[in-house]
Amino acid sequence: MHTPDDVYALYYWDGLPGRGEYVRLVLEAVGAPYVDVTRLPKEEGGGHAPMFALLRGEGPGLRPLAPPVLVHDGRAIAQTANICAYLAARHGLVPDDPGAQAEALQLALTISDLVTETHDTHHPIAKALYYEDQKVEARRYAERFVAERLPKFLRYFEAVAAANRDGGVHLLGDALTYVDLSMFQTLEGLAYAFPRALARIEGELPRLMALRGHVAALPRIAAYRASPRCRSFNEHGIFRRYPELDGEPAPAS
């Protein structure tokens, strides 16, 4: 699909927030014009067919393996953290300093690791199998995720926020970055998929909870999330609500 040079074309599965939502939040936060291609009618060049063509290498630039894909300036840019870093550098959502950019990417890739492990709670054996085909294995995987891996990741990010010079509203520096947006989306997804597990550790995460509230209140983000462009979490994406994977309820205080 051809778009003007100043308009980004985003390709991701229609109906899912998924990894595409991390890219959308960056675009929405800076007010950049973009087209969500698969959500367009087929007669306007939309639907999933153009995305599959990109994945076959029938598009500009380097062939991507999987969505999300951002097409801009004759390039097809893939990998969520990579896309967000590209947009952030263009729109002021990351410092100009190369060292700070490397630190931001480090955090973004660590968030990607957490997102992958979260996804694997319901698909621990194979991505091509349904959850119902691997429920026993999912239950076993999720037990360790809830007890060990989720707390480890969130305590790490809380420590990063605590060490940041701005006092904990941001993960890096004293202004909004794409990493804050990614952390926000991850916390929102975890609150949907693992509300009990998150509640058990939430008291240890005052800075992450403050960051979550801060991003949610940003005017452009709030307007986007209240709009029909923002899709709700569901049981077809990364963050899925299966109560049997969420551990035991937190004890009453």
Protein backbone atom coordinates (compact mmCIF):
# COMPACT_ATOMS: atom_id res chain seq x y z
CA MET A 1 0.00 0.00 0.00
CA HIS A 2 1.38 3.42 -0.96
CA THR A 3 1.12 6.22 1.58
CA PRO A 4 2.49 9.79 1.48
CA ASP A 5 6.06 10.17 2.72
CA ASP A 6 4.92 11.86 5.94
CA VAL A 7 2.42 9.11 6.82
CA TYR A 8 3.47 5.84 8.46
CA ALA A 9 1.90 2.55 7.37
CA LEU A 10 1.51 0.03 10.20
CA TYR A 11 0.85 -3.62 9.46
CA TYR A 12 -0.45 -5.84 12.25
CA TRP A 13 -3.22 -8.36 12.87
CA ASP A 14 -6.63 -6.72 12.87
CA GLY A 15 -8.65 -7.08 16.05
CA LEU A 16 -5.65 -7.55 18.34
CA PRO A 17 -3.78 -5.02 20.45
CA GLY A 18 -0.78 -7.36 20.67
CA ARG A 19 2.67 -6.09 19.81
CA GLY A 20 1.21 -3.62 17.37
CA GLU A 21 -0.19 -1.64 20.28
CA TYR A 22 3.31 -0.74 21.45
CA VAL A 23 3.89 0.94 18.09
CA ARG A 24 0.48 2.62 18.09
CA LEU A 25 1.12 4.18 21.49
CA VAL A 26 4.29 5.84 20.22
CA LEU A 27 2.51 7.13 17.11
CA GLU A 28 -0.43 8.38 19.16
CA ALA A 29 1.76 9.98 21.84
CA VAL A 30 3.51 12.18 19.27
CA GLY A 31 0.46 12.78 17.09
CA ALA A 32 2.12 11.27 14.02
CA PRO A 33 -0.17 10.46 11.07
CA TYR A 34 -0.38 6.74 10.34
CA VAL A 35 -2.52 4.19 8.56
CA ASP A 36 -3.45 0.93 10.27
CA VAL A 37 -3.47 -1.00 7.02
CA THR A 38 -5.20 -4.25 7.97
CA ARG A 39 -8.10 -2.29 9.46
CA LEU A 40 -8.85 -0.57 6.17
CA PRO A 41 -11.48 -1.98 3.78
CA LYS A 42 -10.07 -4.21 1.05
CA GLU A 43 -11.23 -1.77 -1.62
CA GLU A 44 -8.94 0.85 0.01
CA GLY A 45 -5.92 -1.45 -0.04
CA GLY A 46 -6.52 -2.82 3.42
CA GLY A 47 -7.09 -6.22 4.98
CA HIS A 48 -4.46 -8.83 5.74
CA ALA A 49 -3.44 -9.53 2.14
CA PRO A 50 -1.05 -6.54 1.94
CA MET A 51 0.60 -7.65 5.18
CA PHE A 52 1.11 -11.18 3.89
CA ALA A 53 2.63 -9.72 0.72
CA LEU A 54 5.15 -7.83 2.87
CA LEU A 55 6.03 -11.01 4.73
CA ARG A 56 6.67 -12.73 1.39
CA GLY A 57 9.14 -10.01 0.51
CA GLU A 58 6.82 -8.25 -1.95
CA GLY A 59 7.37 -4.81 -0.52
CA PRO A 60 9.98 -2.14 0.05
CA GLY A 61 13.22 -2.65 1.90
CA LEU A 62 14.36 -5.61 3.95
CA ARG A 63 11.93 -8.53 4.14
CA PRO A 64 10.39 -8.86 7.63
CA LEU A 65 9.73 -12.16 9.35
CA ALA A 66 6.58 -11.23 11.27
CA PRO A 67 4.37 -8.28 12.18
CA PRO A 68 4.31 -5.61 13.41
CA VAL A 69 5.89 -3.95 10.40
CA LEU A 70 6.20 -0.22 9.85
CA VAL A 71 6.64 0.95 6.27
CA HIS A 72 8.17 4.39 5.91
CA ASP A 73 10.60 6.13 3.61
CA GLY A 74 11.08 3.08 1.39
CA ARG A 75 11.82 0.75 4.29
CA ALA A 76 9.92 -2.06 5.97
CA ILE A 77 10.97 -1.95 9.62
CA ALA A 78 10.14 -4.89 11.89
CA GLN A 79 10.62 -6.00 15.51
CA THR A 80 8.57 -4.06 18.05
CA ALA A 81 11.39 -2.51 20.04
CA ASN A 82 13.23 -1.62 16.83
CA ILE A 83 10.18 0.12 15.36
CA CYS A 84 9.55 2.05 18.58
CA ALA A 85 13.20 3.12 18.76
CA TYR A 86 13.09 4.30 15.15
CA LEU A 87 9.97 6.37 15.76
CA ALA A 88 11.27 7.69 19.07
CA ALA A 89 14.46 9.00 17.48
CA ARG A 90 12.43 10.81 14.83
CA HIS A 91 9.89 12.31 17.23
CA GLY A 92 11.80 13.15 20.39
CA LEU A 93 10.78 10.22 22.55
CA VAL A 94 14.36 9.27 23.35
CA PRO A 95 17.40 11.43 24.22
CA ASP A 96 19.79 12.41 21.44
CA ASP A 97 22.76 10.94 23.30
CA PRO A 98 23.80 7.56 21.76
CA GLY A 99 24.53 6.13 25.20
CA ALA A 100 21.06 7.00 26.46
CA GLN A 101 19.56 5.54 23.28
CA ALA A 102 21.42 2.29 23.92
CA GLU A 103 20.11 2.24 27.50
CA ALA A 104 16.57 2.85 26.25
CA LEU A 105 16.87 -0.02 23.78
CA GLN A 106 18.23 -2.24 26.54
CA LEU A 107 15.11 -1.56 28.60
CA ALA A 108 12.82 -1.99 25.59
CA LEU A 109 14.35 -5.36 24.77
CA THR A 110 14.01 -6.46 28.39
CA ILE A 111 10.33 -5.51 28.21
CA SER A 112 10.12 -7.61 25.05
CA ASP A 113 11.56 -10.54 26.99
CA LEU A 114 8.84 -10.14 29.61
CA VAL A 115 6.16 -9.93 26.93
CA THR A 116 7.44 -13.11 25.31
CA GLU A 117 7.43 -14.99 28.61
CA THR A 118 3.91 -13.71 29.30
CA HIS A 119 2.74 -15.02 25.93
CA ASP A 120 4.34 -18.37 26.61
CA THR A 121 2.17 -18.90 29.69
CA HIS A 122 -0.65 -19.90 27.36
CA HIS A 123 1.51 -21.26 24.52
CA PRO A 124 4.42 -23.05 26.22
CA ILE A 125 4.71 -25.90 23.71
CA ALA A 126 4.00 -24.46 20.27
CA LYS A 127 2.60 -21.25 18.84
CA ALA A 128 0.64 -23.20 16.23
CA LEU A 129 -1.29 -25.22 18.83
CA TYR A 130 -4.41 -23.93 20.55
CA TYR A 131 -4.29 -23.19 24.25
CA GLU A 132 -6.70 -26.10 24.78
CA ASP A 133 -4.08 -28.44 23.29
CA GLN A 134 -1.46 -27.49 25.91
CA LYS A 135 -3.43 -26.58 29.02
CA VAL A 136 -1.53 -28.95 31.32
CA GLU A 137 1.82 -27.59 30.22
CA ALA A 138 0.49 -24.02 30.37
CA ARG A 139 -0.60 -24.48 33.96
CA ARG A 140 2.84 -25.75 34.93
CA TYR A 141 4.63 -22.95 33.04
CA ALA A 142 2.37 -20.26 34.47
CA GLU A 143 2.95 -21.42 38.04
CA ARG A 144 6.65 -20.65 37.70
CA PHE A 145 5.98 -17.44 35.77
CA VAL A 146 3.68 -16.08 38.46
CA ALA A 147 5.88 -17.17 41.35
CA GLU A 148 9.30 -16.33 39.96
CA ARG A 149 9.66 -14.68 36.57
CA LEU A 150 6.99 -11.98 36.79
CA PRO A 151 8.20 -10.70 40.19
CA LYS A 152 11.81 -10.77 38.97
CA PHE A 153 11.06 -8.62 35.93
CA LEU A 154 8.84 -6.13 37.75
CA ARG A 155 11.21 -5.73 40.67
CA TYR A 156 13.97 -5.05 38.18
CA PHE A 157 12.00 -2.29 36.45
CA GLU A 158 10.98 -0.84 39.82
CA ALA A 159 14.66 -0.66 40.76
CA VAL A 160 15.46 1.04 37.45
CA ALA A 161 12.74 3.63 38.09
CA ALA A 162 13.99 4.15 41.65
CA ALA A 163 17.53 4.79 40.39
CA ASN A 164 16.38 7.29 37.78
CA ARG A 165 17.16 10.88 38.67
CA ASP A 166 13.59 12.12 38.14
CA GLY A 167 12.31 10.25 41.19
CA GLY A 168 10.48 7.43 39.49
CA VAL A 169 7.90 8.89 37.09
CA HIS A 170 9.98 7.75 34.12
CA LEU A 171 12.29 4.81 33.56
CA LEU A 172 14.96 6.85 31.80
CA GLY A 173 15.67 10.57 32.08
CA ASP A 174 13.23 13.27 33.12
CA ALA A 175 10.85 13.20 30.14
CA LEU A 176 8.55 10.69 28.47
CA THR A 177 10.29 8.07 26.33
CA TYR A 178 9.04 5.17 24.26
CA VAL A 179 10.20 2.87 27.04
CA ASP A 180 7.65 4.43 29.41
CA LEU A 181 4.93 3.78 26.84
CA SER A 182 6.04 0.17 26.44
CA MET A 183 6.14 -0.34 30.20
CA PHE A 184 2.65 1.15 30.47
CA GLN A 185 1.22 -1.22 27.86
CA THR A 186 2.88 -4.19 29.51
CA LEU A 187 1.45 -3.28 32.92
CA GLU A 188 -2.00 -2.85 31.38
CA GLY A 189 -1.71 -6.25 29.75
CA LEU A 190 -0.56 -7.90 32.95
CA ALA A 191 -3.43 -6.29 34.86
CA TYR A 192 -5.80 -7.90 32.36
CA ALA A 193 -4.18 -11.32 32.15
CA PHE A 194 -2.81 -11.74 35.68
CA PRO A 195 -4.74 -9.44 38.02
CA ARG A 196 -4.23 -11.67 41.06
CA ALA A 197 -0.50 -12.10 40.45
CA LEU A 198 -0.04 -8.37 39.89
CA ALA A 199 -2.05 -7.52 43.00
CA ARG A 200 0.26 -9.67 45.10
CA ILE A 201 3.32 -7.62 44.15
CA GLU A 202 1.77 -4.23 43.36
CA GLY A 203 2.63 -2.86 46.81
CA GLU A 204 6.33 -3.30 45.99
CA LEU A 205 5.99 -1.28 42.77
CA PRO A 206 5.02 2.29 43.70
CA ARG A 207 7.11 3.85 40.93
CA LEU A 208 5.82 1.55 38.21
CA MET A 209 2.26 2.20 39.34
CA ALA A 210 2.96 5.94 39.26
CA LEU A 211 4.37 5.60 35.75
CA ARG A 212 1.28 3.67 34.69
CA GLY A 213 -1.00 6.41 35.99
CA HIS A 214 1.13 9.16 34.48
CA VAL A 215 1.04 7.65 30.97
CA ALA A 216 -2.69 6.88 31.18
CA ALA A 217 -3.38 10.55 31.98
CA LEU A 218 -1.42 11.97 29.03
CA PRO A 219 -4.03 13.78 26.91
CA ARG A 220 -3.20 12.09 23.61
CA ILE A 221 -2.97 8.65 25.20
CA ALA A 222 -6.21 9.12 27.13
CA ALA A 223 -8.01 10.30 23.99
CA TYR A 224 -6.69 7.35 21.99
CA ARG A 225 -7.66 4.79 24.60
CA ALA A 226 -11.18 6.24 24.74
CA SER A 227 -11.53 6.01 20.97
CA PRO A 228 -12.70 3.08 18.83
CA ARG A 229 -9.19 2.89 17.36
CA CYS A 230 -8.01 1.29 20.60
CA ARG A 231 -8.88 -2.39 20.72
CA SER A 232 -9.59 -4.15 24.01
CA PHE A 233 -7.50 -7.03 25.29
CA ASN A 234 -8.96 -10.40 24.34
CA GLU A 235 -8.15 -14.09 24.33
CA HIS A 236 -6.50 -14.01 20.90
CA GLY A 237 -3.49 -11.82 21.67
CA ILE A 238 -0.43 -11.79 23.88
CA PHE A 239 -2.20 -10.97 27.14
CA ARG A 240 -5.00 -13.47 27.71
CA ARG A 241 -7.17 -13.87 30.77
CA TYR A 242 -7.23 -17.51 31.83
CA PRO A 243 -8.04 -17.50 35.58
CA GLU A 244 -6.57 -20.94 36.05
CA LEU A 245 -3.12 -19.55 35.14
CA ASP A 246 -3.26 -16.61 37.54
CA GLY A 247 -2.31 -18.27 40.81
CA GLU A 248 -4.18 -18.02 44.09
CA PRO A 249 -5.91 -14.81 45.22
CA ALA A 250 -3.88 -12.54 47.47
CA PRO A 251 -4.68 -13.03 51.19
CA ALA A 252 -7.13 -10.58 52.70
CA SER A 253 -5.44 -7.76 54.60
